[in-house]
Amino acid sequence: MTAGVMARVARRRSSGSWSNRGGRIAYLYLIPALLVMGIITAYPLLFQVWMSFTDYGIGNLRAGAPAPNFVGLKNYVDVLSSQLAIPNFSFVRLIVYNLWWAASNVVIHVILGVAIAILLNTRGLWFKRFYRAVFILPVVIPPIIVATVWKNMYDPDNGAINLILAGIGQLVRLPPEMFRIDWLRQVEDPIPWFLPFVPLPLAYYAMLITNTWLGWPLNSVVATGALQSIPHELYEAAEIDGANAWQRFRHVTLTYLRPAMLPYAIYGFVITFNLFHLAFFMSAGGPFGRTELLVTQAYRLVNDQKLYGVGASFAVIMFFILLVITLVTNRVARATQSYENL
């Protein structure tokens, strides 16, 4: 072996040892973050899964208390078969209503957000920046404030909604009694034929209006960013090719909005699916638990009923429901597809 070959081999060995050493050092830097994540994330999740297979109750919270009994899949069976001895509990109704609640909100948010973003993206429109600053205000208001204010607005006697409707009714000489609407506690369904397998009380529509006011601004912000990233030359080329306004909107605007809006729609679905504050603070799940969401029902299992093991199994079921929905939606809608593959 010549001296030059030996020198090259020595250099390779030296560089390899330094790269391996650098890799080990990188792992050492990751250890503190992994420890923190393990303590605050992994351990609680694993402990919750363990709790879901036991009859963990409030007595087990005491120091030195005996370990809870292992019950296997009993908690899961009781939840899925609606055999929990709590008022107005029906797992099938809960999940169907929860899915409809999230889907209906996201559809309205996306359509309204895109429409307003397109409107504010019109050339020559005055005060664009002012409008965009104003419509983002609902997002920065704390959720509990939003729920409390809108709950008071829906008050049947002194709420702003009924007072406005009564004022409009006076213009056409309708009696004020017609507009004493109990938005959040009315038992009768306003549109009983709309969704016969899941009756929707008036409280659903009241919360839908509230969450629409709260939810469309961020959709509009995302859509605005996507619209401004579309090259204007594409519209000019489409217009030269004879495309009308609808064809330009369909083949250019919607095509380039999809990679931005679909992932955000999936994110919005998950957020709305777990939207706690409206269902808890506005309607309190009423009337008779018909606007209860999975997340508020899980809270009541733990906070009101003190069924910690059942609540843990309920949360695990919720996780897998959302995981399946997200994976299926992402695959079917191709939400992460890039512009080049459109």
C-alpha atoms as a PDB file:
ATOM      1  CA  MET A   1       0.000   0.000   0.000  1.00  0.00           C
ATOM      2  CA  THR A   2       1.479   3.362  -1.025  1.00  0.00           C
ATOM      3  CA  ALA A   3       1.859   6.289   1.327  1.00  0.00           C
ATOM      4  CA  GLY A   4      -0.851   8.284  -0.475  1.00  0.00           C
ATOM      5  CA  VAL A   5      -3.440   5.514  -0.109  1.00  0.00           C
ATOM      6  CA  MET A   6      -2.607   5.087   3.571  1.00  0.00           C
ATOM      7  CA  ALA A   7      -3.029   8.836   4.131  1.00  0.00           C
ATOM      8  CA  ARG A   8      -6.457   8.815   2.477  1.00  0.00           C
ATOM      9  CA  VAL A   9      -7.596   5.851   4.589  1.00  0.00           C
ATOM     10  CA  ALA A  10      -6.398   7.601   7.743  1.00  0.00           C
ATOM     11  CA  ARG A  11      -8.294  10.762   6.805  1.00  0.00           C
ATOM     12  CA  ARG A  12     -11.515   8.788   6.190  1.00  0.00           C
ATOM     13  CA  ARG A  13     -11.203   7.018   9.521  1.00  0.00           C
ATOM     14  CA  SER A  14     -10.576  10.320  11.246  1.00  0.00           C
ATOM     15  CA  SER A  15     -13.554  12.046   9.598  1.00  0.00           C
ATOM     16  CA  GLY A  16     -15.780   9.042  10.350  1.00  0.00           C
ATOM     17  CA  SER A  17     -14.831   9.095  14.002  1.00  0.00           C
ATOM     18  CA  TRP A  18     -15.534  12.832  14.202  1.00  0.00           C
ATOM     19  CA  SER A  19     -18.938  12.402  12.527  1.00  0.00           C
ATOM     20  CA  ASN A  20     -19.857   9.602  14.916  1.00  0.00           C
ATOM     21  CA  ARG A  21     -18.723  11.732  17.810  1.00  0.00           C
ATOM     22  CA  GLY A  22     -20.786  14.641  16.521  1.00  0.00           C
ATOM     23  CA  GLY A  23     -23.849  12.389  16.277  1.00  0.00           C
ATOM     24  CA  ARG A  24     -23.380  11.279  19.873  1.00  0.00           C
ATOM     25  CA  ILE A  25     -23.062  14.874  21.019  1.00  0.00           C
ATOM     26  CA  ALA A  26     -26.298  15.755  19.183  1.00  0.00           C
ATOM     27  CA  TYR A  27     -28.112  12.967  21.033  1.00  0.00           C
ATOM     28  CA  LEU A  28     -26.745  14.275  24.323  1.00  0.00           C
ATOM     29  CA  TYR A  29     -28.263  17.679  23.576  1.00  0.00           C
ATOM     30  CA  LEU A  30     -31.617  16.011  22.862  1.00  0.00           C
ATOM     31  CA  ILE A  31     -31.738  14.139  26.170  1.00  0.00           C
ATOM     32  CA  PRO A  32     -33.042  17.096  28.296  1.00  0.00           C
ATOM     33  CA  ALA A  33     -35.866  17.782  25.821  1.00  0.00           C
ATOM     34  CA  LEU A  34     -36.745  14.071  25.677  1.00  0.00           C
ATOM     35  CA  LEU A  35     -36.850  13.903  29.467  1.00  0.00           C
ATOM     36  CA  VAL A  36     -39.137  16.917  29.711  1.00  0.00           C
ATOM     37  CA  MET A  37     -41.467  15.601  26.992  1.00  0.00           C
ATOM     38  CA  GLY A  38     -41.515  12.200  28.638  1.00  0.00           C
ATOM     39  CA  ILE A  39     -42.516  13.674  31.989  1.00  0.00           C
ATOM     40  CA  ILE A  40     -45.156  16.140  30.812  1.00  0.00           C
ATOM     41  CA  THR A  41     -46.523  14.234  27.782  1.00  0.00           C
ATOM     42  CA  ALA A  42     -45.673  10.550  27.553  1.00  0.00           C
ATOM     43  CA  TYR A  43     -46.122   9.606  31.221  1.00  0.00           C
ATOM     44  CA  PRO A  44     -49.601  11.224  31.613  1.00  0.00           C
ATOM     45  CA  LEU A  45     -50.777   9.564  28.397  1.00  0.00           C
ATOM     46  CA  LEU A  46     -49.566   6.142  29.463  1.00  0.00           C
ATOM     47  CA  PHE A  47     -50.999   6.626  32.948  1.00  0.00           C
ATOM     48  CA  GLN A  48     -54.356   7.553  31.449  1.00  0.00           C
ATOM     49  CA  VAL A  49     -54.380   4.412  29.306  1.00  0.00           C
ATOM     50  CA  TRP A  50     -53.632   2.353  32.428  1.00  0.00           C
ATOM     51  CA  MET A  51     -56.438   4.112  34.318  1.00  0.00           C
ATOM     52  CA  SER A  52     -58.904   3.226  31.572  1.00  0.00           C
ATOM     53  CA  PHE A  53     -58.547  -0.475  32.455  1.00  0.00           C
ATOM     54  CA  THR A  54     -59.257   0.071  36.161  1.00  0.00           C
ATOM     55  CA  ASP A  55     -62.083   1.297  38.400  1.00  0.00           C
ATOM     56  CA  TYR A  56     -60.015   4.311  39.402  1.00  0.00           C
ATOM     57  CA  GLY A  57     -62.101   6.627  41.584  1.00  0.00           C
ATOM     58  CA  ILE A  58     -61.765   9.539  43.934  1.00  0.00           C
ATOM     59  CA  GLY A  59     -60.695   7.246  46.763  1.00  0.00           C
ATOM     60  CA  ASN A  60     -57.567   6.303  44.861  1.00  0.00           C
ATOM     61  CA  LEU A  61     -56.335   9.908  44.866  1.00  0.00           C
ATOM     62  CA  ARG A  62     -55.374   9.763  48.540  1.00  0.00           C
ATOM     63  CA  ALA A  63     -51.763   9.120  49.449  1.00  0.00           C
ATOM     64  CA  GLY A  64     -51.363   5.523  50.517  1.00  0.00           C
ATOM     65  CA  ALA A  65     -54.722   4.497  49.063  1.00  0.00           C
ATOM     66  CA  PRO A  66     -54.977   0.913  47.744  1.00  0.00           C
ATOM     67  CA  ALA A  67     -54.448   0.367  44.049  1.00  0.00           C
ATOM     68  CA  PRO A  68     -57.610   0.369  41.909  1.00  0.00           C
ATOM     69  CA  ASN A  69     -59.065  -2.901  40.693  1.00  0.00           C
ATOM     70  CA  PHE A  70     -58.298  -4.066  37.173  1.00  0.00           C
ATOM     71  CA  VAL A  71     -61.565  -4.304  35.214  1.00  0.00           C
ATOM     72  CA  GLY A  72     -60.255  -4.995  31.739  1.00  0.00           C
ATOM     73  CA  LEU A  73     -62.422  -3.669  28.921  1.00  0.00           C
ATOM     74  CA  LYS A  74     -65.473  -3.055  31.104  1.00  0.00           C
ATOM     75  CA  ASN A  75     -65.156   0.747  30.968  1.00  0.00           C
ATOM     76  CA  TYR A  76     -64.909   0.688  27.176  1.00  0.00           C
ATOM     77  CA  VAL A  77     -67.898  -1.648  26.870  1.00  0.00           C
ATOM     78  CA  ASP A  78     -69.993   0.505  29.221  1.00  0.00           C
ATOM     79  CA  VAL A  79     -69.175   3.656  27.243  1.00  0.00           C
ATOM     80  CA  LEU A  80     -69.753   2.186  23.791  1.00  0.00           C
ATOM     81  CA  SER A  81     -72.997   0.449  24.825  1.00  0.00           C
ATOM     82  CA  SER A  82     -74.316   3.531  26.718  1.00  0.00           C
ATOM     83  CA  GLN A  83     -74.603   1.590  29.974  1.00  0.00           C
ATOM     84  CA  LEU A  84     -73.309   4.368  32.208  1.00  0.00           C
ATOM     85  CA  ALA A  85     -75.718   5.279  34.989  1.00  0.00           C
ATOM     86  CA  ILE A  86     -75.697   9.031  34.263  1.00  0.00           C
ATOM     87  CA  PRO A  87     -78.565  11.207  32.960  1.00  0.00           C
ATOM     88  CA  ASN A  88     -79.173  11.609  29.215  1.00  0.00           C
ATOM     89  CA  PHE A  89     -76.135   9.589  28.171  1.00  0.00           C
ATOM     90  CA  SER A  90     -76.184   8.015  24.711  1.00  0.00           C
ATOM     91  CA  PHE A  91     -72.808   7.423  23.086  1.00  0.00           C
ATOM     92  CA  VAL A  92     -74.255   6.987  19.586  1.00  0.00           C
ATOM     93  CA  ARG A  93     -76.163  10.264  19.811  1.00  0.00           C
ATOM     94  CA  LEU A  94     -73.089  11.989  21.223  1.00  0.00           C
ATOM     95  CA  ILE A  95     -70.740  10.931  18.459  1.00  0.00           C
ATOM     96  CA  VAL A  96     -73.205  11.556  15.622  1.00  0.00           C
ATOM     97  CA  TYR A  97     -74.085  15.011  16.946  1.00  0.00           C
ATOM     98  CA  ASN A  98     -70.397  15.781  17.561  1.00  0.00           C
ATOM     99  CA  LEU A  99     -69.471  14.820  13.995  1.00  0.00           C
ATOM    100  CA  TRP A 100     -72.333  16.869  12.561  1.00  0.00           C
ATOM    101  CA  TRP A 101     -71.458  19.840  14.774  1.00  0.00           C
ATOM    102  CA  ALA A 102     -67.824  19.855  13.628  1.00  0.00           C
ATOM    103  CA  ALA A 103     -68.588  19.218   9.951  1.00  0.00           C
ATOM    104  CA  SER A 104     -71.331  21.845   9.661  1.00  0.00           C
ATOM    105  CA  ASN A 105     -69.195  24.492  11.334  1.00  0.00           C
ATOM    106  CA  VAL A 106     -66.116  23.814   9.212  1.00  0.00           C
ATOM    107  CA  VAL A 107     -68.085  23.915   5.938  1.00  0.00           C
ATOM    108  CA  ILE A 108     -69.605  27.280   6.830  1.00  0.00           C
ATOM    109  CA  HIS A 109     -66.285  28.670   8.082  1.00  0.00           C
ATOM    110  CA  VAL A 110     -64.370  27.675   4.961  1.00  0.00           C
ATOM    111  CA  ILE A 111     -66.991  28.919   2.486  1.00  0.00           C
ATOM    112  CA  LEU A 112     -67.505  32.212   4.316  1.00  0.00           C
ATOM    113  CA  GLY A 113     -63.787  32.728   4.936  1.00  0.00           C
ATOM    114  CA  VAL A 114     -62.855  32.120   1.293  1.00  0.00           C
ATOM    115  CA  ALA A 115     -65.678  34.341   0.027  1.00  0.00           C
ATOM    116  CA  ILE A 116     -64.662  37.259   2.254  1.00  0.00           C
ATOM    117  CA  ALA A 117     -60.979  36.751   1.427  1.00  0.00           C
ATOM    118  CA  ILE A 118     -61.766  36.927  -2.300  1.00  0.00           C
ATOM    119  CA  LEU A 119     -63.870  40.037  -1.712  1.00  0.00           C
ATOM    120  CA  LEU A 120     -61.104  41.774   0.233  1.00  0.00           C
ATOM    121  CA  ASN A 121     -58.553  40.726  -2.397  1.00  0.00           C
ATOM    122  CA  THR A 122     -60.390  42.713  -5.068  1.00  0.00           C
ATOM    123  CA  ARG A 123     -58.211  45.314  -6.733  1.00  0.00           C
ATOM    124  CA  GLY A 124     -59.135  48.880  -5.988  1.00  0.00           C
ATOM    125  CA  LEU A 125     -61.033  48.135  -2.761  1.00  0.00           C
ATOM    126  CA  TRP A 126     -60.468  50.847  -0.192  1.00  0.00           C
ATOM    127  CA  PHE A 127     -59.437  50.242   3.453  1.00  0.00           C
ATOM    128  CA  LYS A 128     -58.416  46.619   2.910  1.00  0.00           C
ATOM    129  CA  ARG A 129     -55.999  46.630   5.813  1.00  0.00           C
ATOM    130  CA  PHE A 130     -58.590  48.144   8.127  1.00  0.00           C
ATOM    131  CA  TYR A 131     -61.141  45.460   7.268  1.00  0.00           C
ATOM    132  CA  ARG A 132     -58.603  42.684   7.779  1.00  0.00           C
ATOM    133  CA  ALA A 133     -57.631  44.123  11.161  1.00  0.00           C
ATOM    134  CA  VAL A 134     -61.258  44.404  12.296  1.00  0.00           C
ATOM    135  CA  PHE A 135     -62.499  40.950  11.315  1.00  0.00           C
ATOM    136  CA  ILE A 136     -59.626  39.243  13.171  1.00  0.00           C
ATOM    137  CA  LEU A 137     -60.765  40.727  16.506  1.00  0.00           C
ATOM    138  CA  PRO A 138     -63.039  37.767  17.491  1.00  0.00           C
ATOM    139  CA  VAL A 139     -60.002  35.475  17.449  1.00  0.00           C
ATOM    140  CA  VAL A 140     -58.120  37.436  20.121  1.00  0.00           C
ATOM    141  CA  ILE A 141     -61.036  37.541  22.572  1.00  0.00           C
ATOM    142  CA  PRO A 142     -60.773  34.860  25.327  1.00  0.00           C
ATOM    143  CA  PRO A 143     -63.193  31.971  24.648  1.00  0.00           C
ATOM    144  CA  ILE A 144     -64.934  32.221  28.011  1.00  0.00           C
ATOM    145  CA  ILE A 145     -65.690  35.891  27.298  1.00  0.00           C
ATOM    146  CA  VAL A 146     -67.165  34.974  23.918  1.00  0.00           C
ATOM    147  CA  ALA A 147     -69.356  32.276  25.446  1.00  0.00           C
ATOM    148  CA  THR A 148     -70.551  34.508  28.289  1.00  0.00           C
ATOM    149  CA  VAL A 149     -71.353  37.494  26.091  1.00  0.00           C
ATOM    150  CA  TRP A 150     -73.260  35.449  23.520  1.00  0.00           C
ATOM    151  CA  LYS A 151     -75.123  33.578  26.257  1.00  0.00           C
ATOM    152  CA  ASN A 152     -76.344  36.920  27.604  1.00  0.00           C
ATOM    153  CA  MET A 153     -77.233  38.036  24.076  1.00  0.00           C
ATOM    154  CA  TYR A 154     -79.493  34.980  23.772  1.00  0.00           C
ATOM    155  CA  ASP A 155     -81.305  35.721  27.046  1.00  0.00           C
ATOM    156  CA  PRO A 156     -85.060  35.299  26.384  1.00  0.00           C
ATOM    157  CA  ASP A 157     -86.092  38.456  28.257  1.00  0.00           C
ATOM    158  CA  ASN A 158     -83.293  40.999  27.975  1.00  0.00           C
ATOM    159  CA  GLY A 159     -80.960  39.551  25.357  1.00  0.00           C
ATOM    160  CA  ALA A 160     -79.847  41.681  22.443  1.00  0.00           C
ATOM    161  CA  ILE A 161     -80.965  39.094  19.865  1.00  0.00           C
ATOM    162  CA  ASN A 162     -84.588  39.038  21.014  1.00  0.00           C
ATOM    163  CA  LEU A 163     -84.668  42.819  21.475  1.00  0.00           C
ATOM    164  CA  ILE A 164     -83.455  43.345  17.912  1.00  0.00           C
ATOM    165  CA  LEU A 165     -86.021  40.873  16.565  1.00  0.00           C
ATOM    166  CA  ALA A 166     -88.761  42.560  18.603  1.00  0.00           C
ATOM    167  CA  GLY A 167     -87.731  45.949  17.217  1.00  0.00           C
ATOM    168  CA  ILE A 168     -87.926  44.619  13.665  1.00  0.00           C
ATOM    169  CA  GLY A 169     -91.295  43.022  14.494  1.00  0.00           C
ATOM    170  CA  GLN A 170     -92.703  46.353  15.638  1.00  0.00           C
ATOM    171  CA  LEU A 171     -92.063  47.772  12.184  1.00  0.00           C
ATOM    172  CA  VAL A 172     -94.467  45.200  10.737  1.00  0.00           C
ATOM    173  CA  ARG A 173     -96.782  45.343  13.796  1.00  0.00           C
ATOM    174  CA  LEU A 174     -96.062  41.918  15.204  1.00  0.00           C
ATOM    175  CA  PRO A 175     -96.638  41.339  18.942  1.00  0.00           C
ATOM    176  CA  PRO A 176     -93.460  41.416  21.083  1.00  0.00           C
ATOM    177  CA  GLU A 177     -94.433  38.076  22.682  1.00  0.00           C
ATOM    178  CA  MET A 178     -93.520  36.352  19.441  1.00  0.00           C
ATOM    179  CA  PHE A 179     -89.877  37.215  20.002  1.00  0.00           C
ATOM    180  CA  ARG A 180     -89.413  35.943  23.549  1.00  0.00           C
ATOM    181  CA  ILE A 181     -87.411  33.026  22.229  1.00  0.00           C
ATOM    182  CA  ASP A 182     -85.610  30.751  24.661  1.00  0.00           C
ATOM    183  CA  TRP A 183     -82.663  30.078  22.372  1.00  0.00           C
ATOM    184  CA  LEU A 184     -80.602  27.848  24.647  1.00  0.00           C
ATOM    185  CA  ARG A 185     -83.293  25.886  26.528  1.00  0.00           C
ATOM    186  CA  GLN A 186     -86.126  25.364  24.058  1.00  0.00           C
ATOM    187  CA  VAL A 187     -86.945  21.655  23.852  1.00  0.00           C
ATOM    188  CA  GLU A 188     -88.884  21.624  20.556  1.00  0.00           C
ATOM    189  CA  ASP A 189     -86.784  21.314  17.421  1.00  0.00           C
ATOM    190  CA  PRO A 190     -87.254  24.283  15.063  1.00  0.00           C
ATOM    191  CA  ILE A 191     -86.632  22.116  11.968  1.00  0.00           C
ATOM    192  CA  PRO A 192     -87.505  18.530  13.023  1.00  0.00           C
ATOM    193  CA  TRP A 193     -87.213  17.097   9.502  1.00  0.00           C
ATOM    194  CA  PHE A 194     -83.754  18.530   8.794  1.00  0.00           C
ATOM    195  CA  LEU A 195     -81.734  15.790  10.493  1.00  0.00           C
ATOM    196  CA  PRO A 196     -84.246  13.194  11.743  1.00  0.00           C
ATOM    197  CA  PHE A 197     -81.667  10.726  13.084  1.00  0.00           C
ATOM    198  CA  VAL A 198     -80.084  13.451  15.270  1.00  0.00           C
ATOM    199  CA  PRO A 199     -82.673  16.029  16.372  1.00  0.00           C
ATOM    200  CA  LEU A 200     -81.129  19.487  16.450  1.00  0.00           C
ATOM    201  CA  PRO A 201     -82.502  21.800  19.149  1.00  0.00           C
ATOM    202  CA  LEU A 202     -82.583  25.561  18.834  1.00  0.00           C
ATOM    203  CA  ALA A 203     -79.483  25.752  21.017  1.00  0.00           C
ATOM    204  CA  TYR A 204     -77.501  24.098  18.212  1.00  0.00           C
ATOM    205  CA  TYR A 205     -78.373  26.886  15.791  1.00  0.00           C
ATOM    206  CA  ALA A 206     -77.597  29.522  18.416  1.00  0.00           C
ATOM    207  CA  MET A 207     -74.145  28.060  18.998  1.00  0.00           C
ATOM    208  CA  LEU A 208     -73.654  27.621  15.251  1.00  0.00           C
ATOM    209  CA  ILE A 209     -74.193  31.367  14.761  1.00  0.00           C
ATOM    210  CA  THR A 210     -71.788  32.128  17.606  1.00  0.00           C
ATOM    211  CA  ASN A 211     -69.066  29.819  16.341  1.00  0.00           C
ATOM    212  CA  THR A 212     -69.490  31.117  12.784  1.00  0.00           C
ATOM    213  CA  TRP A 213     -68.812  34.627  14.068  1.00  0.00           C
ATOM    214  CA  LEU A 214     -65.803  33.243  15.925  1.00  0.00           C
ATOM    215  CA  GLY A 215     -64.425  30.832  13.336  1.00  0.00           C
ATOM    216  CA  TRP A 216     -64.471  32.375   9.867  1.00  0.00           C
ATOM    217  CA  PRO A 217     -61.806  35.105  10.419  1.00  0.00           C
ATOM    218  CA  LEU A 218     -58.856  32.689  10.672  1.00  0.00           C
ATOM    219  CA  ASN A 219     -60.103  30.837   7.603  1.00  0.00           C
ATOM    220  CA  SER A 220     -60.181  34.163   5.807  1.00  0.00           C
ATOM    221  CA  VAL A 221     -56.617  34.955   6.903  1.00  0.00           C
ATOM    222  CA  VAL A 222     -55.351  31.604   5.548  1.00  0.00           C
ATOM    223  CA  ALA A 223     -57.297  32.068   2.319  1.00  0.00           C
ATOM    224  CA  THR A 224     -55.953  35.616   1.930  1.00  0.00           C
ATOM    225  CA  GLY A 225     -52.373  34.378   2.190  1.00  0.00           C
ATOM    226  CA  ALA A 226     -53.061  31.655  -0.384  1.00  0.00           C
ATOM    227  CA  LEU A 227     -54.741  34.108  -2.754  1.00  0.00           C
ATOM    228  CA  GLN A 228     -51.838  36.532  -2.608  1.00  0.00           C
ATOM    229  CA  SER A 229     -49.409  33.736  -3.493  1.00  0.00           C
ATOM    230  CA  ILE A 230     -51.205  32.947  -6.787  1.00  0.00           C
ATOM    231  CA  PRO A 231     -49.251  34.446  -9.713  1.00  0.00           C
ATOM    232  CA  HIS A 232     -51.355  37.041 -11.512  1.00  0.00           C
ATOM    233  CA  GLU A 233     -49.950  35.800 -14.817  1.00  0.00           C
ATOM    234  CA  LEU A 234     -52.105  32.675 -14.464  1.00  0.00           C
ATOM    235  CA  TYR A 235     -55.272  34.789 -14.550  1.00  0.00           C
ATOM    236  CA  GLU A 236     -53.979  36.733 -17.521  1.00  0.00           C
ATOM    237  CA  ALA A 237     -53.117  33.530 -19.384  1.00  0.00           C
ATOM    238  CA  ALA A 238     -56.514  32.028 -18.619  1.00  0.00           C
ATOM    239  CA  GLU A 239     -58.244  35.201 -19.799  1.00  0.00           C
ATOM    240  CA  ILE A 240     -56.245  35.167 -23.036  1.00  0.00           C
ATOM    241  CA  ASP A 241     -57.314  31.540 -23.560  1.00  0.00           C
ATOM    242  CA  GLY A 242     -60.939  32.673 -23.345  1.00  0.00           C
ATOM    243  CA  ALA A 243     -61.775  31.503 -19.814  1.00  0.00           C
ATOM    244  CA  ASN A 244     -64.680  33.349 -18.234  1.00  0.00           C
ATOM    245  CA  ALA A 245     -64.805  34.501 -14.610  1.00  0.00           C
ATOM    246  CA  TRP A 246     -66.226  31.209 -13.291  1.00  0.00           C
ATOM    247  CA  GLN A 247     -63.634  29.138 -15.178  1.00  0.00           C
ATOM    248  CA  ARG A 248     -60.805  31.307 -13.846  1.00  0.00           C
ATOM    249  CA  PHE A 249     -62.163  30.932 -10.333  1.00  0.00           C
ATOM    250  CA  ARG A 250     -62.583  27.172 -10.663  1.00  0.00           C
ATOM    251  CA  HIS A 251     -59.364  26.252 -12.423  1.00  0.00           C
ATOM    252  CA  VAL A 252     -56.993  28.840 -10.978  1.00  0.00           C
ATOM    253  CA  THR A 253     -58.290  30.193  -7.670  1.00  0.00           C
ATOM    254  CA  LEU A 254     -59.754  26.997  -6.228  1.00  0.00           C
ATOM    255  CA  THR A 255     -56.851  24.901  -7.505  1.00  0.00           C
ATOM    256  CA  TYR A 256     -54.291  27.012  -5.682  1.00  0.00           C
ATOM    257  CA  LEU A 257     -56.455  27.483  -2.591  1.00  0.00           C
ATOM    258  CA  ARG A 258     -56.837  23.750  -1.982  1.00  0.00           C
ATOM    259  CA  PRO A 259     -53.310  22.989  -0.674  1.00  0.00           C
ATOM    260  CA  ALA A 260     -53.735  25.750   1.912  1.00  0.00           C
ATOM    261  CA  MET A 261     -57.398  25.363   2.863  1.00  0.00           C
ATOM    262  CA  LEU A 262     -57.742  21.585   3.120  1.00  0.00           C
ATOM    263  CA  PRO A 263     -55.114  21.093   5.865  1.00  0.00           C
ATOM    264  CA  TYR A 264     -56.568  24.066   7.708  1.00  0.00           C
ATOM    265  CA  ALA A 265     -60.076  22.636   7.322  1.00  0.00           C
ATOM    266  CA  ILE A 266     -58.892  19.368   8.899  1.00  0.00           C
ATOM    267  CA  TYR A 267     -57.282  21.346  11.699  1.00  0.00           C
ATOM    268  CA  GLY A 268     -60.488  23.356  12.131  1.00  0.00           C
ATOM    269  CA  PHE A 269     -62.512  20.136  12.269  1.00  0.00           C
ATOM    270  CA  VAL A 270     -60.373  18.818  15.130  1.00  0.00           C
ATOM    271  CA  ILE A 271     -60.580  22.132  17.004  1.00  0.00           C
ATOM    272  CA  THR A 272     -64.369  22.369  16.560  1.00  0.00           C
ATOM    273  CA  PHE A 273     -64.800  18.707  17.447  1.00  0.00           C
ATOM    274  CA  ASN A 274     -63.203  19.485  20.825  1.00  0.00           C
ATOM    275  CA  LEU A 275     -64.706  22.969  21.241  1.00  0.00           C
ATOM    276  CA  PHE A 276     -65.368  22.968  24.970  1.00  0.00           C
ATOM    277  CA  HIS A 277     -66.333  26.488  25.939  1.00  0.00           C
ATOM    278  CA  LEU A 278     -69.479  26.999  23.838  1.00  0.00           C
ATOM    279  CA  ALA A 279     -71.127  23.693  24.727  1.00  0.00           C
ATOM    280  CA  PHE A 280     -70.204  24.036  28.382  1.00  0.00           C
ATOM    281  CA  PHE A 281     -70.702  27.720  29.144  1.00  0.00           C
ATOM    282  CA  MET A 282     -73.471  28.609  26.686  1.00  0.00           C
ATOM    283  CA  SER A 283     -75.907  25.699  26.594  1.00  0.00           C
ATOM    284  CA  ALA A 284     -74.415  23.539  29.382  1.00  0.00           C
ATOM    285  CA  GLY A 285     -75.157  20.580  27.114  1.00  0.00           C
ATOM    286  CA  GLY A 286     -78.878  21.283  27.193  1.00  0.00           C
ATOM    287  CA  PRO A 287     -81.618  20.823  26.620  1.00  0.00           C
ATOM    288  CA  PHE A 288     -81.429  17.333  28.147  1.00  0.00           C
ATOM    289  CA  GLY A 289     -77.876  16.727  26.965  1.00  0.00           C
ATOM    290  CA  ARG A 290     -78.712  17.180  23.274  1.00  0.00           C
ATOM    291  CA  THR A 291     -75.914  19.692  22.644  1.00  0.00           C
ATOM    292  CA  GLU A 292     -73.373  17.801  24.721  1.00  0.00           C
ATOM    293  CA  LEU A 293     -70.060  17.140  23.008  1.00  0.00           C
ATOM    294  CA  LEU A 294     -67.684  14.278  23.679  1.00  0.00           C
ATOM    295  CA  VAL A 295     -65.211  16.612  25.350  1.00  0.00           C
ATOM    296  CA  THR A 296     -67.814  18.124  27.698  1.00  0.00           C
ATOM    297  CA  GLN A 297     -69.196  14.664  28.498  1.00  0.00           C
ATOM    298  CA  ALA A 298     -65.688  13.483  29.377  1.00  0.00           C
ATOM    299  CA  TYR A 299     -65.304  16.503  31.659  1.00  0.00           C
ATOM    300  CA  ARG A 300     -68.580  15.708  33.430  1.00  0.00           C
ATOM    301  CA  LEU A 301     -67.565  12.069  33.896  1.00  0.00           C
ATOM    302  CA  VAL A 302     -64.475  13.210  35.781  1.00  0.00           C
ATOM    303  CA  ASN A 303     -65.607  16.433  37.449  1.00  0.00           C
ATOM    304  CA  ASP A 304     -69.249  15.639  38.300  1.00  0.00           C
ATOM    305  CA  GLN A 305     -69.407  11.845  38.473  1.00  0.00           C
ATOM    306  CA  LYS A 306     -65.828  11.265  39.739  1.00  0.00           C
ATOM    307  CA  LEU A 307     -65.520   8.281  37.367  1.00  0.00           C
ATOM    308  CA  TYR A 308     -61.833   8.649  36.579  1.00  0.00           C
ATOM    309  CA  GLY A 309     -61.388   5.225  35.017  1.00  0.00           C
ATOM    310  CA  VAL A 310     -64.448   5.651  32.815  1.00  0.00           C
ATOM    311  CA  GLY A 311     -63.353   9.171  31.893  1.00  0.00           C
ATOM    312  CA  ALA A 312     -59.923   7.884  30.892  1.00  0.00           C
ATOM    313  CA  SER A 313     -61.456   5.225  28.620  1.00  0.00           C
ATOM    314  CA  PHE A 314     -63.758   7.883  27.171  1.00  0.00           C
ATOM    315  CA  ALA A 315     -60.744  10.065  26.331  1.00  0.00           C
ATOM    316  CA  VAL A 316     -58.926   7.137  24.693  1.00  0.00           C
ATOM    317  CA  ILE A 317     -61.975   6.452  22.526  1.00  0.00           C
ATOM    318  CA  MET A 318     -62.085  10.136  21.539  1.00  0.00           C
ATOM    319  CA  PHE A 319     -58.416   9.987  20.534  1.00  0.00           C
ATOM    320  CA  PHE A 320     -58.948   7.068  18.181  1.00  0.00           C
ATOM    321  CA  ILE A 321     -62.079   8.634  16.687  1.00  0.00           C
ATOM    322  CA  LEU A 322     -60.164  11.795  15.818  1.00  0.00           C
ATOM    323  CA  LEU A 323     -57.156   9.819  14.609  1.00  0.00           C
ATOM    324  CA  VAL A 324     -59.282   7.787  12.184  1.00  0.00           C
ATOM    325  CA  ILE A 325     -61.146  10.871  10.941  1.00  0.00           C
ATOM    326  CA  THR A 326     -57.912  12.793  10.368  1.00  0.00           C
ATOM    327  CA  LEU A 327     -56.158   9.936   8.541  1.00  0.00           C
ATOM    328  CA  VAL A 328     -59.154   9.153   6.341  1.00  0.00           C
ATOM    329  CA  THR A 329     -59.814  12.802   5.516  1.00  0.00           C
ATOM    330  CA  ASN A 330     -56.170  13.467   4.760  1.00  0.00           C
ATOM    331  CA  ARG A 331     -55.986  10.465   2.452  1.00  0.00           C
ATOM    332  CA  VAL A 332     -59.274  11.039   0.635  1.00  0.00           C
ATOM    333  CA  ALA A 333     -58.865  14.805   0.225  1.00  0.00           C
ATOM    334  CA  ARG A 334     -55.099  14.600  -0.456  1.00  0.00           C
ATOM    335  CA  ALA A 335     -54.729  17.564   1.844  1.00  0.00           C
ATOM    336  CA  THR A 336     -50.943  17.522   1.870  1.00  0.00           C
ATOM    337  CA  GLN A 337     -50.540  17.361  -1.891  1.00  0.00           C
ATOM    338  CA  SER A 338     -48.249  20.012  -3.363  1.00  0.00           C
ATOM    339  CA  TYR A 339     -48.944  22.396  -6.211  1.00  0.00           C
ATOM    340  CA  GLU A 340     -46.852  20.310  -8.609  1.00  0.00           C
ATOM    341  CA  ASN A 341     -49.160  17.282  -8.162  1.00  0.00           C
ATOM    342  CA  LEU A 342     -52.437  19.143  -8.617  1.00  0.00           C
END
